[in-house]
C-alpha atoms as a PDB file:
ATOM      1  CA  UNK A   1      -0.037   7.669 -11.606  1.00  0.00           C
ATOM      2  CA  UNK A   2       0.381   7.184 -15.331  1.00  0.00           C
ATOM      3  CA  UNK A   3       1.680   4.205 -17.240  1.00  0.00           C
ATOM      4  CA  UNK A   4       4.925   4.526 -19.101  1.00  0.00           C
ATOM      5  CA  UNK A   5       4.157   5.117 -22.734  1.00  0.00           C
ATOM      6  CA  UNK A   6       7.317   3.798 -24.329  1.00  0.00           C
ATOM      7  CA  UNK A   7       7.517   0.228 -25.572  1.00  0.00           C
ATOM      8  CA  UNK A   8       9.558  -2.159 -23.449  1.00  0.00           C
ATOM      9  CA  UNK A   9      11.870  -4.789 -24.892  1.00  0.00           C
ATOM     10  CA  UNK A  10      10.836  -8.342 -24.035  1.00  0.00           C
ATOM     11  CA  UNK A  11      14.101  -8.862 -22.149  1.00  0.00           C
ATOM     12  CA  UNK A  12      13.623  -5.847 -19.856  1.00  0.00           C
ATOM     13  CA  UNK A  13      13.091  -6.800 -16.217  1.00  0.00           C
ATOM     14  CA  UNK A  14      12.055  -4.841 -13.146  1.00  0.00           C
ATOM     15  CA  UNK A  15      12.419  -5.338  -9.409  1.00  0.00           C
ATOM     16  CA  UNK A  16       8.691  -4.837  -8.902  1.00  0.00           C
ATOM     17  CA  UNK A  17       5.514  -4.136 -10.823  1.00  0.00           C
ATOM     18  CA  UNK A  18       5.692  -0.563  -9.511  1.00  0.00           C
ATOM     19  CA  UNK A  19       9.088  -0.053 -11.159  1.00  0.00           C
ATOM     20  CA  UNK A  20       7.514  -1.119 -14.436  1.00  0.00           C
ATOM     21  CA  UNK A  21       4.396   1.059 -14.348  1.00  0.00           C
ATOM     22  CA  UNK A  22       5.459   4.195 -12.475  1.00  0.00           C
ATOM     23  CA  UNK A  23       7.064   7.099 -14.272  1.00  0.00           C
ATOM     24  CA  UNK A  24       9.674   7.881 -11.624  1.00  0.00           C
ATOM     25  CA  UNK A  25      11.721   5.989  -9.068  1.00  0.00           C
ATOM     26  CA  UNK A  26      10.195   8.160  -6.335  1.00  0.00           C
ATOM     27  CA  UNK A  27       6.668   7.265  -7.357  1.00  0.00           C
ATOM     28  CA  UNK A  28       7.570   3.565  -7.513  1.00  0.00           C
ATOM     29  CA  UNK A  29       9.042   3.675  -4.003  1.00  0.00           C
ATOM     30  CA  UNK A  30       5.919   5.396  -2.663  1.00  0.00           C
ATOM     31  CA  UNK A  31       3.709   2.749  -4.248  1.00  0.00           C
ATOM     32  CA  UNK A  32       5.855  -0.085  -2.875  1.00  0.00           C
ATOM     33  CA  UNK A  33       5.530   1.296   0.639  1.00  0.00           C
ATOM     34  CA  UNK A  34       1.807   1.951   0.289  1.00  0.00           C
ATOM     35  CA  UNK A  35       1.174  -1.565  -0.998  1.00  0.00           C
ATOM     36  CA  UNK A  36       3.215  -3.078   1.840  1.00  0.00           C
ATOM     37  CA  UNK A  37       1.278  -1.158   4.500  1.00  0.00           C
ATOM     38  CA  UNK A  38      -2.041  -1.985   2.811  1.00  0.00           C
ATOM     39  CA  UNK A  39      -1.163  -5.684   2.776  1.00  0.00           C
ATOM     40  CA  UNK A  40      -0.241  -5.507   6.467  1.00  0.00           C
ATOM     41  CA  UNK A  41      -3.557  -3.856   7.344  1.00  0.00           C
ATOM     42  CA  UNK A  42      -5.484  -6.383   5.264  1.00  0.00           C
ATOM     43  CA  UNK A  43      -3.646  -9.237   6.981  1.00  0.00           C
ATOM     44  CA  UNK A  44      -4.436  -7.661  10.385  1.00  0.00           C
ATOM     45  CA  UNK A  45      -8.163  -7.643   9.551  1.00  0.00           C
ATOM     46  CA  UNK A  46      -8.161 -11.247   8.324  1.00  0.00           C
ATOM     47  CA  UNK A  47      -5.992 -12.673  11.125  1.00  0.00           C
ATOM     48  CA  UNK A  48      -8.215 -11.035  13.738  1.00  0.00           C
ATOM     49  CA  UNK A  49     -11.352 -12.201  11.909  1.00  0.00           C
ATOM     50  CA  UNK A  50     -12.739  -8.671  11.960  1.00  0.00           C
ATOM     51  CA  UNK A  51     -15.726  -7.377  10.087  1.00  0.00           C
ATOM     52  CA  UNK A  52     -15.165  -4.239   8.050  1.00  0.00           C
ATOM     53  CA  UNK A  53     -17.097  -2.286  10.683  1.00  0.00           C
ATOM     54  CA  UNK A  54     -14.823  -3.604  13.449  1.00  0.00           C
ATOM     55  CA  UNK A  55     -11.739  -2.811  11.370  1.00  0.00           C
ATOM     56  CA  UNK A  56     -13.062   0.687  10.694  1.00  0.00           C
ATOM     57  CA  UNK A  57     -13.405   1.252  14.430  1.00  0.00           C
ATOM     58  CA  UNK A  58      -9.880  -0.059  15.071  1.00  0.00           C
ATOM     59  CA  UNK A  59      -8.386   2.072  12.274  1.00  0.00           C
ATOM     60  CA  UNK A  60     -10.398   5.197  13.075  1.00  0.00           C
ATOM     61  CA  UNK A  61     -11.985   5.374   9.633  1.00  0.00           C
ATOM     62  CA  UNK A  62     -15.341   4.605   8.043  1.00  0.00           C
ATOM     63  CA  UNK A  63     -16.415   1.180   6.815  1.00  0.00           C
ATOM     64  CA  UNK A  64     -16.290   2.304   3.159  1.00  0.00           C
ATOM     65  CA  UNK A  65     -12.611   3.216   3.690  1.00  0.00           C
ATOM     66  CA  UNK A  66     -11.958  -0.318   4.938  1.00  0.00           C
ATOM     67  CA  UNK A  67     -13.785  -1.643   1.884  1.00  0.00           C
ATOM     68  CA  UNK A  68     -11.450   0.413  -0.321  1.00  0.00           C
ATOM     69  CA  UNK A  69      -8.496  -0.983   1.621  1.00  0.00           C
ATOM     70  CA  UNK A  70      -9.647  -4.586   1.227  1.00  0.00           C
ATOM     71  CA  UNK A  71     -10.222  -4.041  -2.502  1.00  0.00           C
ATOM     72  CA  UNK A  72      -6.717  -2.553  -2.757  1.00  0.00           C
ATOM     73  CA  UNK A  73      -7.772   0.827  -4.091  1.00  0.00           C
ATOM     74  CA  UNK A  74      -4.208   2.188  -3.920  1.00  0.00           C
ATOM     75  CA  UNK A  75      -5.107   5.555  -5.387  1.00  0.00           C
ATOM     76  CA  UNK A  76      -7.431   6.357  -2.477  1.00  0.00           C
ATOM     77  CA  UNK A  77      -4.794   6.199   0.269  1.00  0.00           C
ATOM     78  CA  UNK A  78      -1.706   8.224   1.036  1.00  0.00           C
ATOM     79  CA  UNK A  79       1.190   6.623   2.860  1.00  0.00           C
ATOM     80  CA  UNK A  80       0.492   8.963   5.798  1.00  0.00           C
ATOM     81  CA  UNK A  81      -3.138   7.873   6.082  1.00  0.00           C
ATOM     82  CA  UNK A  82      -2.190   4.189   5.945  1.00  0.00           C
ATOM     83  CA  UNK A  83       0.447   4.617   8.646  1.00  0.00           C
ATOM     84  CA  UNK A  84      -2.071   6.480  10.805  1.00  0.00           C
ATOM     85  CA  UNK A  85      -4.547   3.624  10.421  1.00  0.00           C
ATOM     86  CA  UNK A  86      -1.871   1.121  11.420  1.00  0.00           C
ATOM     87  CA  UNK A  87      -0.870   3.160  14.477  1.00  0.00           C
ATOM     88  CA  UNK A  88      -4.494   3.457  15.617  1.00  0.00           C
ATOM     89  CA  UNK A  89      -4.740  -0.347  15.451  1.00  0.00           C
ATOM     90  CA  UNK A  90      -1.659  -0.711  17.652  1.00  0.00           C
ATOM     91  CA  UNK A  91       0.718  -1.648  14.852  1.00  0.00           C
ATOM     92  CA  UNK A  92       4.208  -0.169  14.783  1.00  0.00           C
ATOM     93  CA  UNK A  93       5.999   0.509  11.511  1.00  0.00           C
ATOM     94  CA  UNK A  94       9.713  -0.050  11.075  1.00  0.00           C
ATOM     95  CA  UNK A  95      11.491   1.422   8.083  1.00  0.00           C
ATOM     96  CA  UNK A  96      14.790   0.091   6.800  1.00  0.00           C
ATOM     97  CA  UNK A  97      16.836   1.903   4.192  1.00  0.00           C
ATOM     98  CA  UNK A  98      19.296   0.320   1.795  1.00  0.00           C
ATOM     99  CA  UNK A  99      21.208   1.599  -1.158  1.00  0.00           C
ATOM    100  CA  UNK A 100      19.229   1.308  -4.402  1.00  0.00           C
ATOM    101  CA  UNK A 101      20.497  -1.136  -6.981  1.00  0.00           C
END
């Protein structure tokens, strides 16, 4: 992911931070979904008062991967890998589509 290089006018607004920093709409949508799944997984760990080792076992990954997740290292996870982790933990994803603004 690269930052947009052009200067933005002070009055320019975006729907999300990803819309502002991603080069394409597709990339922004991917990042929005990844961040949403990451936040859900992080919440799952905290609500269940799990250690990183316990979360790693539940997600089917290593403890360092859970550490990356908890530190929100977005660039280290694909949407597929995040959804697989969620499924292994017994979480079910639901996707809703709407027309873009």
